[in-house]
Amino acid sequence: MRHHALAVLTILLMFSLQAHGAQDPKDKEWPNAIVRVKVVDDDGRPVRDAHSTLWSLSDMDGTFGRTNRRGIYSQQLKRIRPPVGGEFYKEGYYKSIGDIWKREGDERFPTNTITVTLKRIIDPVPMQYYKRTAFFLPRHDKPVGFDFEVGDWIDPDGKGKVADVWIVGRAIEISDRDYEYRVSLVVSNKLDGFKTVFVRGPDNFAMSSALLPPQKAPESGYQSELELYKAWAPGKEFQDSSRKDCLHLFRLRTKVDETGKPVEAHVGWLKGETSIGIGKKGLLGMSLYYYWNPDPTSRSLEPKEIAERQGLD
């Protein structure tokens, strides 16, 4: 167990050193400090006996231990040079890893308890994952049906059978510094839609859960259209809808009972980090990275392949 944690620690420190600069010769001037972390689950309840690792750039050995019955892990780090990072995991939960504190200005390490959340593994299900890299729209300015289950355009443009969304692409390109690309995804059914949620993703080493979306799809709050774009114009700031800190949850093929309440739907989540550009033939290219739950009676957003990687090794 300790060897595994040490390996993870070493890799993260290598990346952190690259991201935050080479080691400062004044490291010895940094003070020692007690780092106190409270580990809770997604309902805010303390997680006892969670494996905990802490480190800073000037304390590369780090510390290893477990939380007490109140979910607290407290240790002293030597000569704390920010950022301070940690790794926390326990069987039955999704691992959380990343920075727990970054220095701003001349502030010292906080004396208050820092809270870290471990999401519970509740209902992992087999989910299909689609990664589209060279994904060109067959034509511009006209809607083209896309099948999320198959991961392709509908006939006659692809092998898809159901138009879960209609995708319309628009492109204006004057030069490599003056262009506008827009792609709209509009759902077919009235109660279908997308819901954007912001998460602490892996960008900049922020503390992040191995499962980014919530465990279950929400029952409401969906919008009928999702717009992706990239644009740059002279004298204006570059615009890009692609973000690492968000996800687009979706609900498709919704069926309702006699009262109008949804009883079946396919749910999943689309990564917020997408790309749009013009290909050699002048057609818009885009990427969609998403998980699709094939069970219409399930609201789970927990891919089984992610849950299975959380075992203690």
C-alpha atoms as a PDB file:
ATOM      1  CA  MET A   1       0.000   0.000   0.000  1.00  0.00           C
ATOM      2  CA  ARG A   2       2.751   2.436   0.998  1.00  0.00           C
ATOM      3  CA  HIS A   3       4.689   1.657  -2.188  1.00  0.00           C
ATOM      4  CA  HIS A   4       1.608   2.466  -4.285  1.00  0.00           C
ATOM      5  CA  ALA A   5       1.089   5.775  -2.509  1.00  0.00           C
ATOM      6  CA  LEU A   6       4.769   6.625  -2.875  1.00  0.00           C
ATOM      7  CA  ALA A   7       4.582   5.976  -6.624  1.00  0.00           C
ATOM      8  CA  VAL A   8       1.554   8.236  -6.970  1.00  0.00           C
ATOM      9  CA  LEU A   9       3.243  10.861  -4.823  1.00  0.00           C
ATOM     10  CA  THR A  10       6.395  10.805  -6.945  1.00  0.00           C
ATOM     11  CA  ILE A  11       4.476  11.225 -10.208  1.00  0.00           C
ATOM     12  CA  LEU A  12       2.362  14.081  -8.880  1.00  0.00           C
ATOM     13  CA  LEU A  13       5.372  15.863  -7.469  1.00  0.00           C
ATOM     14  CA  MET A  14       7.161  15.632 -10.818  1.00  0.00           C
ATOM     15  CA  PHE A  15       4.201  17.314 -12.536  1.00  0.00           C
ATOM     16  CA  SER A  16       3.779  19.835  -9.744  1.00  0.00           C
ATOM     17  CA  LEU A  17       7.431  20.858  -9.969  1.00  0.00           C
ATOM     18  CA  GLN A  18       6.981  21.486 -13.682  1.00  0.00           C
ATOM     19  CA  ALA A  19       3.788  23.439 -13.116  1.00  0.00           C
ATOM     20  CA  HIS A  20       4.936  25.533 -10.175  1.00  0.00           C
ATOM     21  CA  GLY A  21       8.596  26.012 -10.980  1.00  0.00           C
ATOM     22  CA  ALA A  22      11.898  24.487  -9.913  1.00  0.00           C
ATOM     23  CA  GLN A  23      12.684  24.019  -6.219  1.00  0.00           C
ATOM     24  CA  ASP A  24      13.385  27.298  -4.440  1.00  0.00           C
ATOM     25  CA  PRO A  25      16.822  27.514  -2.709  1.00  0.00           C
ATOM     26  CA  LYS A  26      15.052  29.333   0.164  1.00  0.00           C
ATOM     27  CA  ASP A  27      12.938  26.251   0.971  1.00  0.00           C
ATOM     28  CA  LYS A  28      14.541  26.043   4.424  1.00  0.00           C
ATOM     29  CA  GLU A  29      12.885  29.344   5.290  1.00  0.00           C
ATOM     30  CA  TRP A  30       9.413  27.886   4.850  1.00  0.00           C
ATOM     31  CA  PRO A  31       7.792  27.019   8.209  1.00  0.00           C
ATOM     32  CA  ASN A  32       6.642  23.659   9.491  1.00  0.00           C
ATOM     33  CA  ALA A  33       2.869  23.435   9.880  1.00  0.00           C
ATOM     34  CA  ILE A  34       0.149  21.072  11.025  1.00  0.00           C
ATOM     35  CA  VAL A  35      -2.093  20.054   8.134  1.00  0.00           C
ATOM     36  CA  ARG A  36      -5.560  19.048   9.289  1.00  0.00           C
ATOM     37  CA  VAL A  37      -7.997  17.468   6.841  1.00  0.00           C
ATOM     38  CA  LYS A  38     -11.542  16.247   7.382  1.00  0.00           C
ATOM     39  CA  VAL A  39     -12.709  13.596   4.915  1.00  0.00           C
ATOM     40  CA  VAL A  40     -16.483  13.396   4.379  1.00  0.00           C
ATOM     41  CA  ASP A  41     -18.746  11.597   1.931  1.00  0.00           C
ATOM     42  CA  ASP A  42     -21.060  13.310  -0.552  1.00  0.00           C
ATOM     43  CA  ASP A  43     -23.721  13.614   2.183  1.00  0.00           C
ATOM     44  CA  GLY A  44     -21.265  15.367   4.498  1.00  0.00           C
ATOM     45  CA  ARG A  45     -20.785  12.406   6.841  1.00  0.00           C
ATOM     46  CA  PRO A  46     -17.272  11.674   8.229  1.00  0.00           C
ATOM     47  CA  VAL A  47     -15.387   8.863   6.481  1.00  0.00           C
ATOM     48  CA  ARG A  48     -13.490   6.763   9.002  1.00  0.00           C
ATOM     49  CA  ASP A  49     -10.276   4.852   8.158  1.00  0.00           C
ATOM     50  CA  ALA A  50      -9.799   6.607   4.805  1.00  0.00           C
ATOM     51  CA  HIS A  51      -6.250   6.152   3.491  1.00  0.00           C
ATOM     52  CA  SER A  52      -4.665   9.613   3.474  1.00  0.00           C
ATOM     53  CA  THR A  53      -1.493  11.015   1.967  1.00  0.00           C
ATOM     54  CA  LEU A  54      -0.221  14.592   2.278  1.00  0.00           C
ATOM     55  CA  TRP A  55       2.738  16.380   0.678  1.00  0.00           C
ATOM     56  CA  SER A  56       4.185  19.738  -0.296  1.00  0.00           C
ATOM     57  CA  LEU A  57       6.929  20.674  -2.750  1.00  0.00           C
ATOM     58  CA  SER A  58       9.404  21.075   0.110  1.00  0.00           C
ATOM     59  CA  ASP A  59       8.359  17.901   1.953  1.00  0.00           C
ATOM     60  CA  MET A  60       8.672  15.300  -0.769  1.00  0.00           C
ATOM     61  CA  ASP A  61       8.595  12.352   1.641  1.00  0.00           C
ATOM     62  CA  GLY A  62       5.017  13.182   2.533  1.00  0.00           C
ATOM     63  CA  THR A  63       2.948  11.575   5.277  1.00  0.00           C
ATOM     64  CA  PHE A  64       0.739   8.477   5.257  1.00  0.00           C
ATOM     65  CA  GLY A  65      -2.074   7.478   7.610  1.00  0.00           C
ATOM     66  CA  ARG A  66      -5.807   7.030   8.066  1.00  0.00           C
ATOM     67  CA  THR A  67      -8.638   9.229   9.254  1.00  0.00           C
ATOM     68  CA  ASN A  68     -10.049   8.785  12.759  1.00  0.00           C
ATOM     69  CA  ARG A  69     -13.688   8.148  13.672  1.00  0.00           C
ATOM     70  CA  ARG A  70     -14.476  11.835  13.033  1.00  0.00           C
ATOM     71  CA  GLY A  71     -12.937  11.657   9.559  1.00  0.00           C
ATOM     72  CA  ILE A  72      -9.896  13.695  10.639  1.00  0.00           C
ATOM     73  CA  TYR A  73      -6.327  13.168   9.446  1.00  0.00           C
ATOM     74  CA  SER A  74      -3.756  15.519  10.966  1.00  0.00           C
ATOM     75  CA  GLN A  75       0.006  15.544  10.404  1.00  0.00           C
ATOM     76  CA  GLN A  76       2.939  17.939  10.406  1.00  0.00           C
ATOM     77  CA  LEU A  77       4.594  18.796   7.113  1.00  0.00           C
ATOM     78  CA  LYS A  78       8.123  20.203   7.184  1.00  0.00           C
ATOM     79  CA  ARG A  79       8.956  23.556   5.596  1.00  0.00           C
ATOM     80  CA  ILE A  80       5.659  23.853   3.766  1.00  0.00           C
ATOM     81  CA  ARG A  81       6.198  25.287   0.311  1.00  0.00           C
ATOM     82  CA  PRO A  82       2.901  25.472  -1.576  1.00  0.00           C
ATOM     83  CA  PRO A  83       1.039  23.904  -3.159  1.00  0.00           C
ATOM     84  CA  VAL A  84       0.018  21.288  -0.591  1.00  0.00           C
ATOM     85  CA  GLY A  85      -1.550  18.186  -2.105  1.00  0.00           C
ATOM     86  CA  GLY A  86      -3.160  14.987  -0.981  1.00  0.00           C
ATOM     87  CA  GLU A  87      -4.643  11.661  -1.978  1.00  0.00           C
ATOM     88  CA  PHE A  88      -7.604  10.133  -0.143  1.00  0.00           C
ATOM     89  CA  TYR A  89      -9.372   6.846  -0.756  1.00  0.00           C
ATOM     90  CA  LYS A  90     -11.273   4.003   0.855  1.00  0.00           C
ATOM     91  CA  GLU A  91     -12.972   0.879  -0.409  1.00  0.00           C
ATOM     92  CA  GLY A  92     -16.502   1.729  -1.475  1.00  0.00           C
ATOM     93  CA  TYR A  93     -15.650   5.326  -2.436  1.00  0.00           C
ATOM     94  CA  TYR A  94     -14.228   7.189  -5.416  1.00  0.00           C
ATOM     95  CA  LYS A  95     -10.686   8.430  -4.857  1.00  0.00           C
ATOM     96  CA  SER A  96      -9.993  12.157  -4.535  1.00  0.00           C
ATOM     97  CA  ILE A  97      -6.559  13.551  -5.356  1.00  0.00           C
ATOM     98  CA  GLY A  98      -4.952  16.927  -6.030  1.00  0.00           C
ATOM     99  CA  ASP A  99      -3.995  20.205  -4.335  1.00  0.00           C
ATOM    100  CA  ILE A 100      -5.754  21.145  -1.101  1.00  0.00           C
ATOM    101  CA  TRP A 101      -4.072  24.557  -0.773  1.00  0.00           C
ATOM    102  CA  LYS A 102      -2.324  27.058  -3.025  1.00  0.00           C
ATOM    103  CA  ARG A 103      -0.681  30.136  -1.610  1.00  0.00           C
ATOM    104  CA  GLU A 104      -2.112  33.548  -2.484  1.00  0.00           C
ATOM    105  CA  GLY A 105       0.115  36.535  -1.808  1.00  0.00           C
ATOM    106  CA  ASP A 106       2.062  36.247   1.449  1.00  0.00           C
ATOM    107  CA  GLU A 107      -0.457  34.088   3.295  1.00  0.00           C
ATOM    108  CA  ARG A 108       0.741  31.246   5.497  1.00  0.00           C
ATOM    109  CA  PHE A 109      -0.768  27.795   5.569  1.00  0.00           C
ATOM    110  CA  PRO A 110      -4.258  28.032   7.124  1.00  0.00           C
ATOM    111  CA  THR A 111      -4.806  26.710  10.642  1.00  0.00           C
ATOM    112  CA  ASN A 112      -8.418  25.720   9.943  1.00  0.00           C
ATOM    113  CA  THR A 113      -9.494  22.226   8.939  1.00  0.00           C
ATOM    114  CA  ILE A 114      -9.642  21.591   5.193  1.00  0.00           C
ATOM    115  CA  THR A 115     -12.545  19.437   3.984  1.00  0.00           C
ATOM    116  CA  VAL A 116     -12.132  16.796   1.275  1.00  0.00           C
ATOM    117  CA  THR A 117     -15.077  14.860  -0.175  1.00  0.00           C
ATOM    118  CA  LEU A 118     -15.072  11.197  -1.151  1.00  0.00           C
ATOM    119  CA  LYS A 119     -18.064  10.305  -3.295  1.00  0.00           C
ATOM    120  CA  ARG A 120     -19.693   6.980  -2.467  1.00  0.00           C
ATOM    121  CA  ILE A 121     -19.801   4.190  -5.046  1.00  0.00           C
ATOM    122  CA  ILE A 122     -23.569   3.695  -5.165  1.00  0.00           C
ATOM    123  CA  ASP A 123     -24.793   2.124  -8.402  1.00  0.00           C
ATOM    124  CA  PRO A 124     -22.108   1.614 -11.061  1.00  0.00           C
ATOM    125  CA  VAL A 125     -23.458   0.286 -14.358  1.00  0.00           C
ATOM    126  CA  PRO A 126     -21.911  -0.743 -17.671  1.00  0.00           C
ATOM    127  CA  MET A 127     -21.800   2.411 -19.776  1.00  0.00           C
ATOM    128  CA  GLN A 128     -20.680   2.934 -23.343  1.00  0.00           C
ATOM    129  CA  TYR A 129     -17.903   5.485 -23.805  1.00  0.00           C
ATOM    130  CA  TYR A 130     -17.537   7.316 -27.095  1.00  0.00           C
ATOM    131  CA  LYS A 131     -14.433   9.183 -28.153  1.00  0.00           C
ATOM    132  CA  ARG A 132     -14.794  10.948 -31.472  1.00  0.00           C
ATOM    133  CA  THR A 133     -11.640  12.496 -32.895  1.00  0.00           C
ATOM    134  CA  ALA A 134     -12.148  13.032 -36.667  1.00  0.00           C
ATOM    135  CA  PHE A 135     -15.865  13.808 -36.538  1.00  0.00           C
ATOM    136  CA  PHE A 136     -16.867  15.980 -39.502  1.00  0.00           C
ATOM    137  CA  LEU A 137     -20.356  17.321 -40.162  1.00  0.00           C
ATOM    138  CA  PRO A 138     -21.680  16.048 -43.511  1.00  0.00           C
ATOM    139  CA  ARG A 139     -22.910  19.558 -44.387  1.00  0.00           C
ATOM    140  CA  HIS A 140     -23.261  23.046 -42.929  1.00  0.00           C
ATOM    141  CA  ASP A 141     -26.320  25.151 -42.065  1.00  0.00           C
ATOM    142  CA  LYS A 142     -28.686  22.184 -42.226  1.00  0.00           C
ATOM    143  CA  PRO A 143     -29.656  19.878 -39.319  1.00  0.00           C
ATOM    144  CA  VAL A 144     -28.099  16.423 -39.307  1.00  0.00           C
ATOM    145  CA  GLY A 145     -29.468  13.716 -36.991  1.00  0.00           C
ATOM    146  CA  PHE A 146     -27.059  12.099 -34.526  1.00  0.00           C
ATOM    147  CA  ASP A 147     -27.593   8.811 -32.657  1.00  0.00           C
ATOM    148  CA  PHE A 148     -25.955   8.916 -29.187  1.00  0.00           C
ATOM    149  CA  GLU A 149     -26.324   5.170 -28.638  1.00  0.00           C
ATOM    150  CA  VAL A 150     -24.606   4.235 -31.896  1.00  0.00           C
ATOM    151  CA  GLY A 151     -22.282   7.235 -31.822  1.00  0.00           C
ATOM    152  CA  ASP A 152     -22.880   8.150 -35.462  1.00  0.00           C
ATOM    153  CA  TRP A 153     -25.027  10.154 -37.858  1.00  0.00           C
ATOM    154  CA  ILE A 154     -28.371   8.683 -38.820  1.00  0.00           C
ATOM    155  CA  ASP A 155     -29.000   7.244 -42.277  1.00  0.00           C
ATOM    156  CA  PRO A 156     -28.012   8.211 -44.966  1.00  0.00           C
ATOM    157  CA  ASP A 157     -24.975   9.922 -43.414  1.00  0.00           C
ATOM    158  CA  GLY A 158     -24.026   7.180 -40.971  1.00  0.00           C
ATOM    159  CA  LYS A 159     -25.060   4.014 -39.159  1.00  0.00           C
ATOM    160  CA  GLY A 160     -27.302   5.673 -36.569  1.00  0.00           C
ATOM    161  CA  LYS A 161     -30.997   4.829 -36.334  1.00  0.00           C
ATOM    162  CA  VAL A 162     -32.493   7.393 -33.917  1.00  0.00           C
ATOM    163  CA  ALA A 163     -31.987  11.151 -34.138  1.00  0.00           C
ATOM    164  CA  ASP A 164     -31.428  11.903 -30.450  1.00  0.00           C
ATOM    165  CA  VAL A 165     -30.243  15.386 -31.409  1.00  0.00           C
ATOM    166  CA  TRP A 166     -30.191  17.488 -34.535  1.00  0.00           C
ATOM    167  CA  ILE A 167     -26.799  19.084 -35.065  1.00  0.00           C
ATOM    168  CA  VAL A 168     -26.379  22.263 -37.074  1.00  0.00           C
ATOM    169  CA  GLY A 169     -22.933  23.639 -37.868  1.00  0.00           C
ATOM    170  CA  ARG A 170     -22.067  27.134 -39.069  1.00  0.00           C
ATOM    171  CA  ALA A 171     -18.651  28.362 -40.103  1.00  0.00           C
ATOM    172  CA  ILE A 172     -17.210  31.703 -41.158  1.00  0.00           C
ATOM    173  CA  GLU A 173     -13.471  31.756 -41.804  1.00  0.00           C
ATOM    174  CA  ILE A 174     -11.722  34.834 -43.173  1.00  0.00           C
ATOM    175  CA  SER A 175      -8.254  34.009 -41.836  1.00  0.00           C
ATOM    176  CA  ASP A 176      -6.587  32.066 -39.027  1.00  0.00           C
ATOM    177  CA  ARG A 177      -7.132  35.145 -36.821  1.00  0.00           C
ATOM    178  CA  ASP A 178     -10.646  35.976 -37.973  1.00  0.00           C
ATOM    179  CA  TYR A 179     -13.228  33.197 -37.811  1.00  0.00           C
ATOM    180  CA  GLU A 180     -16.376  31.937 -36.093  1.00  0.00           C
ATOM    181  CA  TYR A 181     -17.397  28.281 -35.714  1.00  0.00           C
ATOM    182  CA  ARG A 182     -20.663  27.312 -34.043  1.00  0.00           C
ATOM    183  CA  VAL A 183     -22.348  23.940 -33.534  1.00  0.00           C
ATOM    184  CA  SER A 184     -25.810  23.583 -31.981  1.00  0.00           C
ATOM    185  CA  LEU A 185     -27.149  20.326 -30.565  1.00  0.00           C
ATOM    186  CA  VAL A 186     -30.958  20.410 -30.321  1.00  0.00           C
ATOM    187  CA  VAL A 187     -32.827  17.490 -28.734  1.00  0.00           C
ATOM    188  CA  SER A 188     -35.699  15.706 -30.474  1.00  0.00           C
ATOM    189  CA  ASN A 189     -38.054  15.028 -27.553  1.00  0.00           C
ATOM    190  CA  LYS A 190     -39.786  17.639 -25.435  1.00  0.00           C
ATOM    191  CA  LEU A 191     -38.461  16.407 -22.065  1.00  0.00           C
ATOM    192  CA  ASP A 192     -34.955  15.604 -23.311  1.00  0.00           C
ATOM    193  CA  GLY A 193     -32.083  17.999 -22.823  1.00  0.00           C
ATOM    194  CA  PHE A 194     -28.687  18.985 -21.480  1.00  0.00           C
ATOM    195  CA  LYS A 195     -27.711  20.336 -18.090  1.00  0.00           C
ATOM    196  CA  THR A 196     -24.285  21.899 -17.558  1.00  0.00           C
ATOM    197  CA  VAL A 197     -22.692  21.335 -14.161  1.00  0.00           C
ATOM    198  CA  PHE A 198     -19.391  22.769 -12.973  1.00  0.00           C
ATOM    199  CA  VAL A 199     -16.928  20.439 -11.327  1.00  0.00           C
ATOM    200  CA  ARG A 200     -13.440  20.541  -9.915  1.00  0.00           C
ATOM    201  CA  GLY A 201     -11.674  18.884 -12.784  1.00  0.00           C
ATOM    202  CA  PRO A 202      -8.063  17.751 -13.124  1.00  0.00           C
ATOM    203  CA  ASP A 203      -6.881  21.082 -14.543  1.00  0.00           C
ATOM    204  CA  ASN A 204      -4.148  22.857 -12.523  1.00  0.00           C
ATOM    205  CA  PHE A 205      -3.970  19.968 -10.027  1.00  0.00           C
ATOM    206  CA  ALA A 206      -7.155  21.033  -8.202  1.00  0.00           C
ATOM    207  CA  MET A 207      -8.577  18.457  -5.782  1.00  0.00           C
ATOM    208  CA  SER A 208     -10.698  16.193  -7.961  1.00  0.00           C
ATOM    209  CA  SER A 209     -12.835  13.091  -7.577  1.00  0.00           C
ATOM    210  CA  ALA A 210     -12.316  10.093  -9.836  1.00  0.00           C
ATOM    211  CA  LEU A 211     -16.038  10.449 -10.620  1.00  0.00           C
ATOM    212  CA  LEU A 212     -16.688  13.983 -11.859  1.00  0.00           C
ATOM    213  CA  PRO A 213     -20.500  13.989 -12.329  1.00  0.00           C
ATOM    214  CA  PRO A 214     -23.044  13.288  -9.567  1.00  0.00           C
ATOM    215  CA  GLN A 215     -23.923   9.630  -9.073  1.00  0.00           C
ATOM    216  CA  LYS A 216     -27.452  10.103 -10.437  1.00  0.00           C
ATOM    217  CA  ALA A 217     -28.892  12.201 -13.229  1.00  0.00           C
ATOM    218  CA  PRO A 218     -31.105  15.050 -11.981  1.00  0.00           C
ATOM    219  CA  GLU A 219     -34.850  14.874 -12.555  1.00  0.00           C
ATOM    220  CA  SER A 220     -35.201  18.426 -13.884  1.00  0.00           C
ATOM    221  CA  GLY A 221     -33.303  21.469 -15.124  1.00  0.00           C
ATOM    222  CA  TYR A 222     -32.510  20.296 -18.652  1.00  0.00           C
ATOM    223  CA  GLN A 223     -32.221  22.698 -21.597  1.00  0.00           C
ATOM    224  CA  SER A 224     -33.282  21.704 -25.102  1.00  0.00           C
ATOM    225  CA  GLU A 225     -30.140  23.060 -26.788  1.00  0.00           C
ATOM    226  CA  LEU A 226     -26.408  22.942 -26.223  1.00  0.00           C
ATOM    227  CA  GLU A 227     -24.206  25.323 -28.196  1.00  0.00           C
ATOM    228  CA  LEU A 228     -20.504  24.781 -28.792  1.00  0.00           C
ATOM    229  CA  TYR A 229     -18.403  27.518 -30.336  1.00  0.00           C
ATOM    230  CA  LYS A 230     -14.979  28.905 -31.102  1.00  0.00           C
ATOM    231  CA  ALA A 231     -14.458  32.420 -32.423  1.00  0.00           C
ATOM    232  CA  TRP A 232     -11.776  35.056 -32.843  1.00  0.00           C
ATOM    233  CA  ALA A 233     -12.124  38.476 -34.420  1.00  0.00           C
ATOM    234  CA  PRO A 234      -9.730  41.426 -34.792  1.00  0.00           C
ATOM    235  CA  GLY A 235      -9.731  43.553 -31.652  1.00  0.00           C
ATOM    236  CA  LYS A 236     -11.792  41.033 -29.670  1.00  0.00           C
ATOM    237  CA  GLU A 237     -10.954  38.332 -27.152  1.00  0.00           C
ATOM    238  CA  PHE A 238     -10.736  34.706 -28.237  1.00  0.00           C
ATOM    239  CA  GLN A 239     -13.930  32.767 -27.407  1.00  0.00           C
ATOM    240  CA  ASP A 240     -14.136  29.052 -26.798  1.00  0.00           C
ATOM    241  CA  SER A 241     -16.944  27.046 -25.183  1.00  0.00           C
ATOM    242  CA  SER A 242     -14.545  24.205 -24.381  1.00  0.00           C
ATOM    243  CA  ARG A 243     -13.933  23.978 -20.608  1.00  0.00           C
ATOM    244  CA  LYS A 244     -12.239  21.434 -18.391  1.00  0.00           C
ATOM    245  CA  ASP A 245     -14.204  22.477 -15.304  1.00  0.00           C
ATOM    246  CA  CYS A 246     -17.675  21.482 -16.501  1.00  0.00           C
ATOM    247  CA  LEU A 247     -19.722  18.559 -17.785  1.00  0.00           C
ATOM    248  CA  HIS A 248     -22.910  18.480 -19.835  1.00  0.00           C
ATOM    249  CA  LEU A 249     -25.319  15.940 -18.351  1.00  0.00           C
ATOM    250  CA  PHE A 250     -27.966  14.723 -20.771  1.00  0.00           C
ATOM    251  CA  ARG A 251     -31.299  12.915 -20.795  1.00  0.00           C
ATOM    252  CA  LEU A 252     -32.518  11.467 -24.095  1.00  0.00           C
ATOM    253  CA  ARG A 253     -35.368   9.280 -25.410  1.00  0.00           C
ATOM    254  CA  THR A 254     -37.546  10.223 -22.439  1.00  0.00           C
ATOM    255  CA  LYS A 255     -40.824   8.345 -21.993  1.00  0.00           C
ATOM    256  CA  VAL A 256     -43.590   9.443 -19.608  1.00  0.00           C
ATOM    257  CA  ASP A 257     -46.506   7.802 -17.795  1.00  0.00           C
ATOM    258  CA  GLU A 258     -50.162   8.858 -17.972  1.00  0.00           C
ATOM    259  CA  THR A 259     -49.455  11.781 -15.617  1.00  0.00           C
ATOM    260  CA  GLY A 260     -46.612  13.102 -17.730  1.00  0.00           C
ATOM    261  CA  LYS A 261     -43.898  11.997 -15.304  1.00  0.00           C
ATOM    262  CA  PRO A 262     -40.709  10.620 -16.919  1.00  0.00           C
ATOM    263  CA  VAL A 263     -40.444   6.874 -16.334  1.00  0.00           C
ATOM    264  CA  GLU A 264     -37.726   5.954 -18.825  1.00  0.00           C
ATOM    265  CA  ALA A 265     -34.785   7.787 -20.368  1.00  0.00           C
ATOM    266  CA  HIS A 266     -31.208   7.279 -21.395  1.00  0.00           C
ATOM    267  CA  VAL A 267     -28.848   9.418 -19.334  1.00  0.00           C
ATOM    268  CA  GLY A 268     -25.152  10.159 -19.560  1.00  0.00           C
ATOM    269  CA  TRP A 269     -22.585  12.911 -19.548  1.00  0.00           C
ATOM    270  CA  LEU A 270     -20.588  14.778 -22.134  1.00  0.00           C
ATOM    271  CA  LYS A 271     -17.201  16.190 -21.216  1.00  0.00           C
ATOM    272  CA  GLY A 272     -17.029  19.969 -21.354  1.00  0.00           C
ATOM    273  CA  GLU A 273     -13.660  19.814 -23.064  1.00  0.00           C
ATOM    274  CA  THR A 274     -14.543  19.705 -26.761  1.00  0.00           C
ATOM    275  CA  SER A 275     -12.942  21.005 -29.934  1.00  0.00           C
ATOM    276  CA  ILE A 276     -14.220  22.583 -33.141  1.00  0.00           C
ATOM    277  CA  GLY A 277     -12.303  23.376 -36.294  1.00  0.00           C
ATOM    278  CA  ILE A 278     -12.253  23.346 -40.067  1.00  0.00           C
ATOM    279  CA  GLY A 279     -10.918  20.300 -41.906  1.00  0.00           C
ATOM    280  CA  LYS A 280      -9.067  20.076 -45.211  1.00  0.00           C
ATOM    281  CA  LYS A 281     -12.319  19.812 -47.169  1.00  0.00           C
ATOM    282  CA  GLY A 282     -13.749  22.917 -45.539  1.00  0.00           C
ATOM    283  CA  LEU A 283     -16.160  21.010 -43.301  1.00  0.00           C
ATOM    284  CA  LEU A 284     -16.535  21.611 -39.584  1.00  0.00           C
ATOM    285  CA  GLY A 285     -14.889  19.002 -37.403  1.00  0.00           C
ATOM    286  CA  MET A 286     -15.798  18.472 -33.751  1.00  0.00           C
ATOM    287  CA  SER A 287     -15.142  16.112 -30.880  1.00  0.00           C
ATOM    288  CA  LEU A 288     -17.653  14.526 -28.521  1.00  0.00           C
ATOM    289  CA  TYR A 289     -16.416  12.589 -25.494  1.00  0.00           C
ATOM    290  CA  TYR A 290     -19.317  11.080 -23.575  1.00  0.00           C
ATOM    291  CA  TYR A 291     -20.677   8.200 -21.513  1.00  0.00           C
ATOM    292  CA  TRP A 292     -24.068   6.704 -22.428  1.00  0.00           C
ATOM    293  CA  ASN A 293     -26.131   4.596 -20.016  1.00  0.00           C
ATOM    294  CA  PRO A 294     -27.829   1.904 -22.170  1.00  0.00           C
ATOM    295  CA  ASP A 295     -30.425   1.051 -19.481  1.00  0.00           C
ATOM    296  CA  PRO A 296     -33.480   3.332 -19.900  1.00  0.00           C
ATOM    297  CA  THR A 297     -34.708   2.528 -16.373  1.00  0.00           C
ATOM    298  CA  SER A 298     -31.454   3.605 -14.706  1.00  0.00           C
ATOM    299  CA  ARG A 299     -30.493   7.143 -13.700  1.00  0.00           C
ATOM    300  CA  SER A 300     -26.945   6.164 -12.781  1.00  0.00           C
ATOM    301  CA  LEU A 301     -24.044   8.283 -14.055  1.00  0.00           C
ATOM    302  CA  GLU A 302     -21.438   5.927 -12.574  1.00  0.00           C
ATOM    303  CA  PRO A 303     -19.525   4.053 -15.285  1.00  0.00           C
ATOM    304  CA  LYS A 304     -18.661   0.610 -13.990  1.00  0.00           C
ATOM    305  CA  GLU A 305     -15.164   0.828 -15.464  1.00  0.00           C
ATOM    306  CA  ILE A 306     -14.403   3.872 -13.287  1.00  0.00           C
ATOM    307  CA  ALA A 307     -15.849   2.251 -10.145  1.00  0.00           C
ATOM    308  CA  GLU A 308     -13.825  -0.907 -10.684  1.00  0.00           C
ATOM    309  CA  ARG A 309     -10.583   1.074 -10.757  1.00  0.00           C
ATOM    310  CA  GLN A 310     -11.174   2.318  -7.207  1.00  0.00           C
ATOM    311  CA  GLY A 311     -10.143  -0.960  -5.535  1.00  0.00           C
ATOM    312  CA  LEU A 312      -7.242  -0.739  -3.079  1.00  0.00           C
ATOM    313  CA  ASP A 313      -4.158  -2.056  -4.903  1.00  0.00           C
END
